[in-house]
Amino acid sequence: MWDTIVLGSGIAGLTAAAALAHRGQRVLVLEQHLTPGGQTQTFQRQGWTFATGVHYIGGVGPFPGPDGQFGRLLAWLSNDQLAFAPCGNPYDIVRLPGLEFGIEHPEAAYRQRLLERFPHQQIAIDRWFGQMAQARRAAMSLFAMRGMPAPLAWGLKLWRGAEVEAMSRRTLAEALAEVPDPQLRAILGARWGDYGAPPEHAPLLEHALVTGSYNAGAWFPVGGPSRFAQTLLSVVQGAGGAVELGASAERIVVEGGRVAGVDFSQHGQPHSVRAPRVISAIGAPNTAACLAESAAREWQAELLGFKPGLAYLSLYLGFEGDIGAAGASAANVWIYESLDIGSAWRQPADEDAPGLFVSFPSLKDPRSGDKPTAEVLALCEAAPFEGWLGRPAGERPEDYLAFKAWVEARLLTQFGRHFPALAPMIRFHELATPLTQQHYVRAPQGAMYGIVMDAGRLASGALNVRTPVNGLLLAGQDVSGAGVQAAAMSGLMAAAVLEPALLRQLMG
């Protein structure tokens, strides 16, 4: 019998499992894919190595206080096996029609560059950064409440609740509407793709929290994102734990009102494993789908009622030659075809993507001996792929393959217009669609960041680490928000519920 079962080996599940291993627990990790890591895994094609979901990380630099807090957590979790390389400065570049602007760290430098470029917008810029600070404070309070025992959460809500509620309801679009200059508005709102919610729906506090995580710099894991799984699973296994790959959770077993184990399928065979505690990091709706209807009916219904967020298309490119000399860098590039930065790609077959995110991971890792690569992302609605969603790899019809090829060609052409010196150097390309995301990480409708990010999600009392089912805890982006850092912190909070001494150990 295991002490705890963790469902999912993304960064949330791995953090929870490694943290519990440090407390001497024997943890079993069940991962439905054949490769651990979730969105932090890598894959290879013809000698090129591609990162699937990690483009940069904040909070891991050599800084005291909160600017280096996440790095200290990862160092402890991994037994100092993880290292990170800076992504340069600027770390993000926003390309608009007639304008290119580099976002620098620290935040004071970013602010100063905005004032230099938009000298007549000082009032708007000052107001914006004031709102960002307020929103980040509200966000930290909100997510802290989701992991606290009820009495402590109530106390924090009493203290900060009004501010949290106000900021949770304020959208990014509302804040941007107070900025008179359209170019400035576009720069300030450009990075909404980091959490997958267009400005009209995006809570301001989520924008502030995610973009603010890079205020002290952006970083990339040395050795590639797969190092997360390699190092954290070694900690789990060193404490007597294990990981089972190709193990798809079918049912979370509840007996007498509390968790008793998990039924799963592996290589077509049914299996059952017992444990008194389960941490589910496979998404809130997927978790509810693994429970009997009689288990916390109202809570399940609320989880299943959440809609998936935006999906995405990812074009993986392999190059031959010196891409740095041809215009690539370690900085991410946000490209918008107009100053209207709030549109997802609705008609891939009939129009270019309104926005692209371009990352060159091979230039971010100083120890990478791999051939040069890029990833081109376009956030999209799942609707154009709806008729094919759920079809397993190898069983997808010709009309889907033809549509996919058409979209891939369109993205290649669009990339070539923005990087004309790089286009002739492309030797490999492969497109991942929402079907890919659904297949490999069990994401409903291929959603990039789980359930839709809006005020309703933030206000929900169902999306807490603690659940109404005794012994069952939630972790992952649905609980904490988008990105590696937020997901990992949700895993830590779940582990701390089971082992309260964890937080004392970390703080001491």
Protein backbone atom coordinates (compact mmCIF):
# COMPACT_ATOMS: atom_id res chain seq x y z
CA MET A 1 0.00 0.00 0.00
CA TRP A 2 1.26 3.46 -0.91
CA ASP A 3 1.13 6.52 1.34
CA THR A 4 -0.17 8.77 -1.44
CA ILE A 5 -1.07 8.37 -5.11
CA VAL A 6 -0.42 11.33 -7.43
CA LEU A 7 -2.33 11.48 -10.71
CA GLY A 8 -0.34 13.19 -13.46
CA SER A 9 3.39 13.84 -13.81
CA GLY A 10 3.25 17.47 -14.91
CA ILE A 11 5.03 20.02 -12.77
CA ALA A 12 2.18 20.16 -10.22
CA GLY A 13 2.13 16.40 -9.70
CA LEU A 14 5.92 16.15 -9.66
CA THR A 15 6.22 18.94 -7.09
CA ALA A 16 3.65 17.31 -4.82
CA ALA A 17 5.29 13.88 -5.15
CA ALA A 18 8.83 15.14 -4.55
CA ALA A 19 7.75 17.26 -1.58
CA LEU A 20 6.06 14.26 0.04
CA ALA A 21 9.12 12.12 -0.71
CA HIS A 22 11.20 14.62 1.26
CA ARG A 23 8.90 13.88 4.20
CA GLY A 24 9.55 10.15 3.87
CA GLN A 25 6.35 9.22 2.06
CA ARG A 26 6.21 6.41 -0.47
CA VAL A 27 4.39 7.99 -3.42
CA LEU A 28 3.06 6.35 -6.56
CA VAL A 29 2.78 8.63 -9.61
CA LEU A 30 0.37 7.52 -12.35
CA GLU A 31 0.97 9.09 -15.77
CA GLN A 32 -1.23 8.29 -18.75
CA HIS A 33 1.45 9.20 -21.32
CA LEU A 34 4.52 7.04 -22.01
CA THR A 35 6.81 9.98 -21.17
CA PRO A 36 6.67 11.79 -17.82
CA GLY A 37 6.61 15.55 -17.48
CA GLY A 38 3.28 16.75 -18.86
CA GLN A 39 3.89 20.15 -20.45
CA THR A 40 7.54 20.04 -19.37
CA GLN A 41 8.53 17.10 -21.55
CA THR A 42 10.67 17.22 -24.67
CA PHE A 43 10.67 15.11 -27.81
CA GLN A 44 13.06 14.44 -30.68
CA ARG A 45 12.66 14.39 -34.44
CA GLN A 46 15.49 13.65 -36.87
CA GLY A 47 18.16 14.94 -34.47
CA TRP A 48 16.27 18.04 -33.33
CA THR A 49 15.07 18.28 -29.72
CA PHE A 50 11.90 20.26 -29.03
CA ALA A 51 10.47 21.65 -25.79
CA THR A 52 6.70 21.28 -25.62
CA GLY A 53 5.43 23.77 -23.08
CA VAL A 54 8.19 25.63 -21.23
CA HIS A 55 9.37 28.86 -22.85
CA TYR A 56 10.56 30.81 -19.82
CA ILE A 57 10.24 30.76 -16.04
CA GLY A 58 10.35 33.50 -13.45
CA GLY A 59 11.39 33.49 -9.82
CA VAL A 60 14.43 31.22 -10.16
CA GLY A 61 17.24 33.74 -10.28
CA PRO A 62 19.90 34.27 -7.58
CA PHE A 63 17.86 36.85 -5.71
CA PRO A 64 16.80 37.13 -2.07
CA GLY A 65 13.13 37.35 -1.16
CA PRO A 66 10.24 36.53 -3.50
CA ASP A 67 12.23 37.14 -6.70
CA GLY A 68 14.19 33.95 -6.08
CA GLN A 69 11.68 32.02 -3.98
CA PHE A 70 10.65 29.57 -6.68
CA GLY A 71 14.27 28.75 -7.45
CA ARG A 72 14.94 27.95 -3.79
CA LEU A 73 11.92 25.65 -3.73
CA LEU A 74 13.09 23.80 -6.84
CA ALA A 75 16.61 23.51 -5.44
CA TRP A 76 15.24 21.85 -2.31
CA LEU A 77 12.85 19.60 -4.23
CA SER A 78 15.50 18.41 -6.70
CA ASN A 79 18.41 18.16 -4.27
CA ASP A 80 20.13 20.96 -6.18
CA GLN A 81 19.98 19.07 -9.47
CA LEU A 82 18.25 21.86 -11.43
CA ALA A 83 19.94 24.89 -12.97
CA PHE A 84 18.56 27.79 -15.00
CA ALA A 85 20.03 30.11 -17.63
CA PRO A 86 18.88 33.72 -18.16
CA CYS A 87 16.91 34.44 -21.33
CA GLY A 88 18.61 37.78 -21.89
CA ASN A 89 17.38 41.32 -21.60
CA PRO A 90 14.97 42.10 -23.14
CA TYR A 91 13.43 38.72 -22.50
CA ASP A 92 10.20 39.45 -24.42
CA ILE A 93 9.93 41.42 -27.67
CA VAL A 94 6.59 42.77 -28.88
CA ARG A 95 6.33 43.31 -32.65
CA LEU A 96 3.47 45.47 -33.86
CA PRO A 97 2.88 47.13 -37.24
CA GLY A 98 5.50 49.87 -37.36
CA LEU A 99 6.85 49.23 -33.86
CA GLU A 100 9.11 46.79 -32.01
CA PHE A 101 9.47 47.07 -28.24
CA GLY A 102 11.67 45.02 -25.91
CA ILE A 103 10.38 44.24 -22.40
CA GLU A 104 13.25 44.36 -19.93
CA HIS A 105 13.84 43.49 -16.32
CA PRO A 106 13.81 44.67 -13.62
CA GLU A 107 10.36 46.22 -13.69
CA ALA A 108 11.88 49.67 -13.19
CA ALA A 109 13.80 49.31 -16.47
CA TYR A 110 10.64 48.21 -18.31
CA ARG A 111 8.79 51.19 -16.91
CA GLN A 112 11.59 53.59 -17.88
CA ARG A 113 11.67 52.30 -21.47
CA LEU A 114 7.93 52.85 -21.75
CA LEU A 115 8.31 56.42 -20.50
CA GLU A 116 11.09 57.05 -23.03
CA ARG A 117 9.01 55.67 -25.91
CA PHE A 118 5.73 57.26 -24.77
CA PRO A 119 6.76 60.46 -22.92
CA HIS A 120 3.26 61.93 -23.03
CA GLN A 121 1.70 58.88 -21.35
CA GLN A 122 3.29 59.18 -17.91
CA ILE A 123 -0.02 59.40 -16.05
CA ALA A 124 -1.33 56.28 -17.80
CA ILE A 125 1.95 54.40 -17.25
CA ASP A 126 2.08 55.32 -13.55
CA ARG A 127 -1.54 54.25 -13.10
CA TRP A 128 -0.87 50.97 -14.90
CA PHE A 129 2.05 49.93 -12.70
CA GLY A 130 0.14 50.93 -9.59
CA GLN A 131 -2.70 48.65 -10.65
CA MET A 132 -0.26 45.84 -11.39
CA ALA A 133 1.14 45.98 -7.87
CA GLN A 134 -2.33 45.99 -6.35
CA ALA A 135 -3.49 43.13 -8.57
CA ARG A 136 -0.45 40.97 -7.74
CA ARG A 137 -1.13 41.43 -4.03
CA ALA A 138 -4.76 40.40 -4.56
CA ALA A 139 -3.72 37.37 -6.63
CA MET A 140 -1.33 36.09 -3.98
CA SER A 141 -4.09 36.41 -1.38
CA LEU A 142 -6.59 34.58 -3.59
CA PHE A 143 -4.37 31.59 -4.29
CA ALA A 144 -3.18 31.43 -0.68
CA MET A 145 -6.82 31.10 0.41
CA ARG A 146 -7.26 28.09 -1.88
CA GLY A 147 -4.67 26.10 0.03
CA MET A 148 -5.40 27.24 3.59
CA PRO A 149 -7.53 25.50 6.21
CA ALA A 150 -11.00 27.04 6.32
CA PRO A 151 -10.47 29.18 9.47
CA LEU A 152 -7.28 30.75 8.11
CA ALA A 153 -8.82 31.26 4.67
CA TRP A 154 -11.77 32.98 6.32
CA GLY A 155 -9.45 35.30 8.22
CA LEU A 156 -7.51 36.24 5.09
CA LYS A 157 -10.75 36.78 3.21
CA LEU A 158 -11.94 39.10 5.98
CA TRP A 159 -8.70 41.08 5.68
CA ARG A 160 -8.19 41.12 1.93
CA GLY A 161 -11.48 39.86 0.56
CA ALA A 162 -12.83 43.16 -0.77
CA GLU A 163 -9.64 43.90 -2.70
CA VAL A 164 -9.47 40.34 -4.06
CA GLU A 165 -13.10 40.41 -5.22
CA ALA A 166 -12.73 43.78 -6.93
CA MET A 167 -9.57 42.76 -8.74
CA SER A 168 -10.99 39.34 -9.67
CA ARG A 169 -13.84 41.04 -11.52
CA ARG A 170 -11.73 43.70 -13.24
CA THR A 171 -10.69 42.60 -16.74
CA LEU A 172 -7.50 43.36 -18.58
CA ALA A 173 -9.57 45.09 -21.27
CA GLU A 174 -11.06 47.47 -18.69
CA ALA A 175 -7.61 48.45 -17.45
CA LEU A 176 -6.28 48.88 -20.99
CA ALA A 177 -9.24 51.11 -21.90
CA GLU A 178 -7.80 53.68 -19.50
CA VAL A 179 -4.62 53.91 -21.62
CA PRO A 180 -5.08 56.55 -24.36
CA ASP A 181 -2.29 55.51 -26.75
CA PRO A 182 -3.18 52.45 -28.90
CA GLN A 183 0.45 51.30 -29.30
CA LEU A 184 1.00 51.52 -25.56
CA ARG A 185 -2.20 49.56 -24.96
CA ALA A 186 -0.99 46.84 -27.31
CA ILE A 187 2.39 46.53 -25.58
CA LEU A 188 0.89 46.38 -22.10
CA GLY A 189 -1.64 43.72 -23.07
CA ALA A 190 0.45 41.75 -25.56
CA ARG A 191 1.44 38.90 -23.26
CA TRP A 192 -2.05 37.57 -22.53
CA GLY A 193 -0.99 34.39 -24.31
CA ASP A 194 1.06 33.52 -21.20
CA TYR A 195 -2.20 32.48 -19.52
CA GLY A 196 -4.51 32.02 -22.52
CA ALA A 197 -7.35 34.47 -21.90
CA PRO A 198 -8.09 37.36 -24.29
CA PRO A 199 -8.22 40.80 -22.65
CA GLU A 200 -12.02 41.04 -22.70
CA HIS A 201 -12.22 37.99 -20.39
CA ALA A 202 -8.84 37.98 -18.66
CA PRO A 203 -8.87 38.93 -14.97
CA LEU A 204 -6.45 41.78 -14.41
CA LEU A 205 -4.96 39.99 -11.43
CA GLU A 206 -3.99 36.97 -13.55
CA HIS A 207 -2.26 39.24 -16.07
CA ALA A 208 -0.45 41.02 -13.26
CA LEU A 209 0.60 37.81 -11.53
CA VAL A 210 1.89 36.01 -14.61
CA THR A 211 3.69 38.91 -16.28
CA GLY A 212 4.97 40.11 -12.91
CA SER A 213 6.69 36.78 -12.32
CA TYR A 214 9.33 37.92 -14.84
CA ASN A 215 10.00 41.32 -13.26
CA ALA A 216 13.35 40.07 -11.97
CA GLY A 217 14.22 38.18 -15.14
CA ALA A 218 13.23 35.21 -17.26
CA TRP A 219 15.03 31.86 -17.20
CA PHE A 220 15.21 28.53 -18.99
CA PRO A 221 16.07 25.12 -17.50
CA VAL A 222 19.61 24.05 -18.35
CA GLY A 223 19.44 20.71 -20.12
CA GLY A 224 15.87 21.41 -21.28
CA PRO A 225 12.45 21.17 -19.58
CA SER A 226 12.68 17.37 -19.33
CA ARG A 227 15.08 17.96 -16.43
CA PHE A 228 12.07 18.63 -14.19
CA ALA A 229 10.80 15.07 -14.57
CA GLN A 230 14.28 13.54 -14.50
CA THR A 231 15.31 15.19 -11.25
CA LEU A 232 12.05 15.19 -9.32
CA LEU A 233 11.17 11.59 -10.15
CA SER A 234 14.63 10.53 -8.99
CA VAL A 235 13.78 12.07 -5.60
CA VAL A 236 10.45 10.22 -5.51
CA GLN A 237 12.08 6.90 -6.41
CA GLY A 238 14.91 7.46 -3.95
CA ALA A 239 12.35 7.59 -1.13
CA GLY A 240 10.78 4.28 -2.19
CA GLY A 241 8.23 5.76 -4.56
CA ALA A 242 7.55 4.85 -8.19
CA VAL A 243 6.08 6.11 -11.44
CA GLU A 244 3.84 4.07 -13.70
CA LEU A 245 3.74 5.27 -17.32
CA GLY A 246 0.92 4.57 -19.74
CA ALA A 247 -1.31 4.39 -16.66
CA SER A 248 -4.59 6.18 -17.29
CA ALA A 249 -6.72 6.84 -14.21
CA GLU A 250 -10.24 5.50 -14.69
CA ARG A 251 -11.74 5.76 -11.22
CA ILE A 252 -10.79 7.33 -7.91
CA VAL A 253 -12.10 4.78 -5.43
CA VAL A 254 -14.10 6.22 -2.53
CA GLU A 255 -15.23 3.97 0.31
CA GLY A 256 -17.15 5.16 3.33
CA GLY A 257 -16.82 8.79 2.25
CA ARG A 258 -13.04 8.80 1.88
CA VAL A 259 -10.45 7.93 -0.74
CA ALA A 260 -9.30 4.32 -0.82
CA GLY A 261 -7.27 4.10 -4.03
CA VAL A 262 -7.32 4.36 -7.82
CA ASP A 263 -8.39 2.05 -10.63
CA PHE A 264 -6.38 2.57 -13.80
CA SER A 265 -5.72 0.97 -17.17
CA GLN A 266 -2.23 0.28 -18.44
CA HIS A 267 -1.45 -1.23 -21.84
CA GLY A 268 -5.06 -2.31 -22.14
CA GLN A 269 -5.11 -4.10 -18.80
CA PRO A 270 -7.10 -3.03 -15.71
CA HIS A 271 -5.26 -2.41 -12.44
CA SER A 272 -6.18 -1.28 -8.95
CA VAL A 273 -3.93 0.30 -6.34
CA ARG A 274 -4.71 1.27 -2.75
CA ALA A 275 -3.81 4.42 -0.83
CA PRO A 276 -5.59 6.60 1.75
CA ARG A 277 -4.77 9.84 -0.08
CA VAL A 278 -4.84 10.96 -3.71
CA ILE A 279 -3.54 14.20 -5.22
CA SER A 280 -5.09 14.76 -8.62
CA ALA A 281 -3.08 16.93 -11.00
CA ILE A 282 -4.93 15.91 -14.17
CA GLY A 283 -7.30 18.89 -14.28
CA ALA A 284 -10.45 19.55 -12.28
CA PRO A 285 -13.00 18.24 -14.85
CA ASN A 286 -10.92 15.10 -15.46
CA THR A 287 -10.81 14.54 -11.71
CA ALA A 288 -14.59 14.80 -11.42
CA ALA A 289 -14.98 12.36 -14.31
CA CYS A 290 -13.00 9.78 -12.29
CA LEU A 291 -15.42 9.90 -9.35
CA ALA A 292 -18.67 8.08 -8.82
CA GLU A 293 -21.69 10.36 -9.19
CA SER A 294 -22.55 9.91 -5.53
CA ALA A 295 -19.30 11.47 -4.34
CA ALA A 296 -19.82 15.19 -3.58
CA ARG A 297 -22.44 15.66 -6.32
CA GLU A 298 -22.70 19.45 -6.20
CA TRP A 299 -18.94 19.92 -6.20
CA GLN A 300 -18.53 17.56 -9.14
CA ALA A 301 -21.27 19.32 -11.07
CA GLU A 302 -19.51 22.66 -10.64
CA LEU A 303 -16.19 21.22 -11.84
CA LEU A 304 -17.81 19.60 -14.87
CA GLY A 305 -19.58 22.85 -15.68
CA PHE A 306 -16.37 24.74 -16.39
CA LYS A 307 -15.60 25.25 -20.07
CA PRO A 308 -12.12 24.58 -21.47
CA GLY A 309 -9.97 27.59 -22.25
CA LEU A 310 -8.40 28.40 -25.60
CA ALA A 311 -6.56 25.73 -27.53
CA TYR A 312 -3.41 26.30 -29.56
CA LEU A 313 -1.42 25.30 -32.59
CA SER A 314 2.30 24.72 -32.24
CA LEU A 315 4.65 24.64 -35.22
CA TYR A 316 8.00 23.03 -34.44
CA LEU A 317 10.88 24.12 -36.68
CA GLY A 318 14.32 22.59 -37.10
CA PHE A 319 17.07 24.66 -38.75
CA GLU A 320 20.47 24.20 -40.28
CA GLY A 321 22.98 26.99 -39.75
CA ASP A 322 23.58 29.88 -37.38
CA ILE A 323 20.09 31.15 -36.51
CA GLY A 324 21.51 33.72 -34.10
CA ALA A 325 23.29 35.47 -36.95
CA ALA A 326 20.03 35.36 -38.93
CA GLY A 327 17.98 37.27 -36.35
CA ALA A 328 16.98 34.74 -33.68
CA SER A 329 17.77 35.22 -29.99
CA ALA A 330 16.94 33.83 -26.56
CA ALA A 331 14.15 36.40 -26.23
CA ASN A 332 10.57 35.39 -26.99
CA VAL A 333 8.87 37.33 -29.79
CA TRP A 334 5.19 38.32 -29.60
CA ILE A 335 3.99 39.17 -33.11
CA TYR A 336 0.67 40.87 -33.84
CA GLU A 337 -0.61 41.66 -37.29
CA SER A 338 -2.55 44.70 -36.02
CA LEU A 339 -2.95 46.77 -32.86
CA ASP A 340 -6.00 44.63 -32.03
CA ILE A 341 -4.10 42.16 -29.86
CA GLY A 342 -7.12 40.44 -28.31
CA SER A 343 -8.17 37.98 -31.00
CA ALA A 344 -7.61 34.23 -31.04
CA TRP A 345 -7.31 32.39 -34.36
CA ARG A 346 -10.87 31.51 -35.38
CA GLN A 347 -10.53 30.49 -39.05
CA PRO A 348 -7.13 28.85 -39.60
CA ALA A 349 -8.03 27.74 -43.11
CA ASP A 350 -9.10 31.18 -44.32
CA GLU A 351 -6.91 33.72 -42.52
CA ASP A 352 -3.51 34.18 -40.97
CA ALA A 353 -3.11 33.94 -37.25
CA PRO A 354 -3.77 37.38 -35.70
CA GLY A 355 -0.91 36.77 -33.30
CA LEU A 356 2.13 34.51 -33.00
CA PHE A 357 4.47 33.65 -30.16
CA VAL A 358 7.95 32.58 -31.28
CA SER A 359 10.53 30.94 -29.04
CA PHE A 360 14.02 29.67 -29.89
CA PRO A 361 14.72 27.14 -27.11
CA SER A 362 18.06 25.99 -28.53
CA LEU A 363 19.42 29.52 -27.94
CA LYS A 364 18.17 29.62 -24.34
CA ASP A 365 20.12 26.61 -23.07
CA PRO A 366 23.88 27.23 -22.90
CA ARG A 367 24.59 23.51 -22.60
CA SER A 368 22.46 22.56 -25.54
CA GLY A 369 24.41 20.71 -28.16
CA ASP A 370 21.26 20.18 -30.16
CA LYS A 371 20.60 21.50 -33.59
CA PRO A 372 18.82 24.90 -33.69
CA THR A 373 15.06 24.92 -33.16
CA ALA A 374 12.05 27.21 -32.86
CA GLU A 375 8.48 26.85 -31.66
CA VAL A 376 5.75 29.00 -33.19
CA LEU A 377 2.52 29.17 -31.18
CA ALA A 378 -0.88 30.48 -32.20
CA LEU A 379 -3.74 30.52 -29.73
CA CYS A 380 -6.91 29.34 -31.40
CA GLU A 381 -10.46 28.28 -30.77
CA ALA A 382 -11.07 24.55 -30.72
CA ALA A 383 -14.15 24.85 -32.97
CA PRO A 384 -12.34 24.32 -36.33
CA PHE A 385 -11.07 20.97 -34.96
CA GLU A 386 -14.21 19.95 -33.08
CA GLY A 387 -15.26 17.24 -35.50
CA TRP A 388 -11.95 15.40 -35.05
CA LEU A 389 -11.34 15.86 -31.33
CA GLY A 390 -11.05 12.58 -29.51
CA ARG A 391 -9.76 10.67 -32.53
CA PRO A 392 -6.62 8.76 -31.47
CA ALA A 393 -3.34 9.11 -33.33
CA GLY A 394 -3.22 6.75 -36.29
CA GLU A 395 -6.99 6.87 -36.74
CA ARG A 396 -7.41 10.41 -38.00
CA PRO A 397 -9.20 10.80 -41.33
CA GLU A 398 -7.85 12.25 -44.54
CA ASP A 399 -9.86 15.46 -44.27
CA TYR A 400 -8.20 16.23 -40.92
CA LEU A 401 -4.73 15.49 -42.31
CA ALA A 402 -5.39 17.72 -45.31
CA PHE A 403 -6.65 20.54 -43.07
CA LYS A 404 -3.64 20.17 -40.79
CA ALA A 405 -1.26 20.35 -43.78
CA TRP A 406 -3.02 23.48 -45.03
CA VAL A 407 -2.71 25.20 -41.66
CA GLU A 408 0.92 24.16 -41.34
CA ALA A 409 1.74 25.67 -44.73
CA ARG A 410 -0.03 28.89 -43.76
CA LEU A 411 1.95 29.16 -40.52
CA LEU A 412 5.23 28.49 -42.35
CA THR A 413 4.48 31.30 -44.78
CA GLN A 414 3.53 33.66 -41.97
CA PHE A 415 6.70 32.84 -40.04
CA GLY A 416 8.76 33.45 -43.18
CA ARG A 417 7.32 36.95 -43.61
CA HIS A 418 8.45 37.92 -40.12
CA PHE A 419 11.78 36.08 -40.20
CA PRO A 420 12.84 36.15 -43.87
CA ALA A 421 16.48 35.30 -43.09
CA LEU A 422 15.48 32.23 -41.11
CA ALA A 423 12.96 30.76 -43.54
CA PRO A 424 15.56 29.36 -46.00
CA MET A 425 17.30 27.60 -43.10
CA ILE A 426 14.28 25.45 -42.17
CA ARG A 427 14.99 21.76 -42.67
CA PHE A 428 12.21 20.25 -40.57
CA HIS A 429 8.70 21.26 -39.55
CA GLU A 430 5.85 19.57 -37.72
CA LEU A 431 2.51 20.91 -36.53
CA ALA A 432 0.80 20.02 -33.26
CA THR A 433 -2.94 20.74 -33.10
CA PRO A 434 -5.53 20.68 -30.28
CA LEU A 435 -5.81 16.94 -30.94
CA THR A 436 -2.15 16.57 -29.97
CA GLN A 437 -2.70 18.38 -26.69
CA GLN A 438 -5.80 16.33 -25.94
CA HIS A 439 -3.99 13.08 -26.65
CA TYR A 440 -0.74 13.65 -24.77
CA VAL A 441 -1.84 15.63 -21.70
CA ARG A 442 -5.54 14.71 -21.51
CA ALA A 443 -6.55 18.35 -22.04
CA PRO A 444 -10.28 18.76 -22.80
CA GLN A 445 -10.63 20.20 -26.32
CA GLY A 446 -6.87 20.68 -26.35
CA ALA A 447 -7.03 23.61 -23.92
CA MET A 448 -3.61 25.11 -23.31
CA TYR A 449 -4.14 26.22 -19.71
CA GLY A 450 -6.99 24.05 -18.52
CA ILE A 451 -10.41 25.54 -17.83
CA VAL A 452 -11.24 29.00 -19.12
CA MET A 453 -9.52 31.83 -17.26
CA ASP A 454 -12.16 34.38 -16.28
CA ALA A 455 -13.74 35.95 -13.21
CA GLY A 456 -16.03 32.94 -12.72
CA ARG A 457 -13.06 30.62 -12.42
CA LEU A 458 -11.39 32.85 -9.86
CA ALA A 459 -14.57 33.26 -7.81
CA SER A 460 -15.35 29.55 -7.67
CA GLY A 461 -15.14 27.90 -4.28
CA ALA A 462 -14.80 24.51 -5.97
CA LEU A 463 -11.28 25.12 -7.25
CA ASN A 464 -9.47 24.66 -3.97
CA VAL A 465 -6.64 22.34 -3.05
CA ARG A 466 -8.90 20.80 -0.41
CA THR A 467 -11.98 18.98 -1.76
CA PRO A 468 -15.24 17.71 -0.21
CA VAL A 469 -13.96 14.14 -0.66
CA ASN A 470 -11.91 13.12 2.35
CA GLY A 471 -8.36 12.29 1.29
CA LEU A 472 -8.65 13.82 -2.20
CA LEU A 473 -6.74 16.98 -3.09
CA LEU A 474 -6.46 19.01 -6.30
CA ALA A 475 -3.35 20.48 -7.86
CA GLY A 476 -2.46 22.01 -11.20
CA GLN A 477 -3.30 25.04 -13.30
CA ASP A 478 -7.03 24.83 -12.66
CA VAL A 479 -6.38 25.51 -8.98
CA SER A 480 -3.54 27.99 -9.12
CA GLY A 481 -3.44 29.68 -12.51
CA ALA A 482 -1.28 29.34 -15.59
CA GLY A 483 2.38 28.50 -15.89
CA VAL A 484 5.10 26.35 -14.38
CA GLN A 485 5.53 28.41 -11.22
CA ALA A 486 1.82 28.60 -10.37
CA ALA A 487 1.23 24.91 -11.08
CA ALA A 488 4.22 23.89 -8.97
CA MET A 489 3.01 26.00 -6.05
CA SER A 490 -0.36 24.24 -6.20
CA GLY A 491 1.45 20.91 -5.91
CA LEU A 492 3.37 22.21 -2.90
CA MET A 493 0.14 23.40 -1.25
CA ALA A 494 -1.47 19.99 -1.77
CA ALA A 495 1.53 18.24 -0.25
CA ALA A 496 1.52 20.67 2.67
CA VAL A 497 -2.10 19.81 3.46
CA LEU A 498 -1.00 16.20 3.93
CA GLU A 499 2.30 17.08 5.60
CA PRO A 500 1.94 20.42 7.44
CA ALA A 501 5.56 20.21 8.59
CA LEU A 502 6.59 20.86 5.00
CA LEU A 503 6.04 24.57 5.26
CA ARG A 504 7.90 24.77 8.56
CA GLN A 505 10.76 22.81 6.99
CA LEU A 506 10.91 25.18 4.02
CA MET A 507 10.70 28.31 6.16
CA GLY A 508 13.28 27.01 8.62
